[in-house]
Protein backbone atom coordinates (compact mmCIF):
# COMPACT_ATOMS: atom_id res chain seq x y z
CA MET A 1 -4.89 5.27 -24.11
CA GLU A 2 -3.17 7.61 -21.57
CA LYS A 3 -2.46 5.74 -18.11
CA LYS A 4 -1.06 8.08 -15.42
CA GLU A 5 0.42 6.88 -12.21
CA ILE A 6 0.17 9.30 -9.06
CA GLU A 7 2.49 8.76 -6.19
CA ILE A 8 0.45 9.74 -3.30
CA VAL A 9 3.10 9.69 -0.69
CA LYS A 10 5.42 12.73 -2.61
CA LEU A 11 1.56 14.80 -1.84
CA THR A 12 0.90 13.58 1.54
CA GLY A 13 3.67 12.18 3.46
CA GLU A 14 3.23 8.79 5.26
CA PHE A 15 0.04 9.61 6.59
CA ALA A 16 -2.46 10.80 3.95
CA GLU A 17 -5.04 13.03 6.05
CA ASN A 18 -5.47 16.42 4.39
CA LYS A 19 -8.81 16.45 2.48
CA ASP A 20 -7.74 19.58 0.78
CA VAL A 21 -4.92 17.72 -0.77
CA ALA A 22 -7.09 14.78 -1.62
CA LYS A 23 -9.51 17.37 -3.25
CA GLU A 24 -6.57 18.91 -5.42
CA ILE A 25 -5.51 15.35 -6.44
CA ARG A 26 -8.94 14.46 -7.48
CA ILE A 27 -9.36 17.84 -9.43
CA ARG A 28 -6.09 18.48 -10.78
CA LYS A 29 -4.87 14.83 -11.37
CA ILE A 30 -7.37 12.36 -11.52
CA ASN A 31 -10.29 14.18 -13.06
CA PRO A 32 -8.46 15.48 -16.19
CA ILE A 33 -7.40 11.73 -16.73
CA LEU A 34 -10.58 10.10 -16.61
CA ASN A 35 -12.17 12.88 -18.35
CA SER A 36 -10.12 12.24 -21.45
CA GLY A 37 -10.82 8.71 -21.29
CA GLY A 38 -7.53 7.55 -19.54
CA LYS A 39 -6.54 5.32 -16.58
CA ILE A 40 -4.98 6.14 -13.38
CA ILE A 41 -2.71 4.32 -11.01
CA LEU A 42 -2.92 5.58 -7.51
CA ASN A 43 0.29 4.54 -5.83
CA PHE A 44 0.30 4.40 -2.22
CA GLU A 45 3.83 2.97 -1.87
CA GLY A 46 5.42 4.73 1.43
CA VAL A 47 2.00 5.62 2.82
CA ASP A 48 1.43 3.82 6.00
CA SER A 49 -2.17 4.87 6.53
CA ALA A 50 -4.93 7.48 5.33
CA THR A 51 -8.26 9.05 6.99
CA GLN A 52 -11.48 7.68 5.81
CA SER A 53 -12.18 11.22 5.20
CA PHE A 54 -9.18 11.74 3.02
CA ILE A 55 -9.88 8.63 0.77
CA HIS A 56 -13.61 9.94 0.58
CA ALA A 57 -12.42 13.16 -0.71
CA LEU A 58 -9.95 11.46 -3.29
CA LEU A 59 -12.76 9.14 -4.63
CA SER A 60 -16.39 10.18 -3.59
CA GLU A 61 -17.07 12.62 -6.32
CA VAL A 62 -15.30 10.72 -8.76
CA ILE A 63 -17.46 7.85 -8.48
CA ARG A 64 -20.52 10.24 -8.30
CA GLN A 65 -19.32 11.76 -11.67
CA HIS A 66 -18.31 9.01 -13.40
CA LYS A 67 -20.62 6.08 -11.70
CA ILE A 68 -19.01 3.13 -9.85
CA GLU A 69 -17.65 1.60 -13.14
CA VAL A 70 -15.01 4.12 -12.94
CA LEU A 71 -13.12 1.65 -10.58
CA ASP A 72 -12.57 -0.21 -13.61
CA LYS A 73 -10.11 2.55 -14.72
CA ILE A 74 -8.49 3.09 -11.26
CA GLU A 75 -5.74 0.86 -10.11
CA PHE A 76 -4.63 0.83 -6.37
CA LYS A 77 -1.14 0.07 -6.06
CA HIS A 78 1.14 -0.91 -3.01
CA CYS A 79 -1.80 -0.74 -0.57
CA ASN A 80 -1.37 -2.31 2.74
CA ASP A 81 -4.31 -3.76 4.61
CA VAL A 82 -5.39 -0.65 6.45
CA LEU A 83 -5.32 1.33 3.28
CA LYS A 84 -7.15 -1.66 1.46
CA ARG A 85 -9.81 -1.58 4.20
CA ILE A 86 -10.46 2.05 4.20
CA ILE A 87 -10.70 2.03 0.30
CA ARG A 88 -13.14 -0.70 0.37
CA ILE A 89 -15.29 1.11 3.05
CA VAL A 90 -15.60 4.04 0.99
CA THR A 91 -16.16 2.42 -2.44
CA ASP A 92 -18.70 0.33 -0.67
CA TYR A 93 -20.31 3.24 0.95
CA MET A 94 -20.58 4.77 -2.52
CA GLN A 95 -22.04 1.76 -4.24
CA GLN A 96 -25.02 1.90 -1.34
CA GLU A 97 -25.56 5.66 -2.04
CA ASP A 98 -26.67 4.68 -5.97
């Protein structure tokens, strides 16, 4: 099973805020791996913070498409407390939406 690591800081810089970049990461990097049965490591090393809209653009469609269980195939690496909180807000919201 393929396991692909995506280094977010290389695509966003220290502050991940651009929803278009999040969408590109989702479409070009995350979806192809998940669709082929692989796993993803989202490495946030070097990212100090992100907007909730960035994380929502990154994850919400993935969760809608693959259901909440997809989170078992996504590893969040090197997340500080701010990032953890934002990711939790988005994933909790998506679970309520089902």
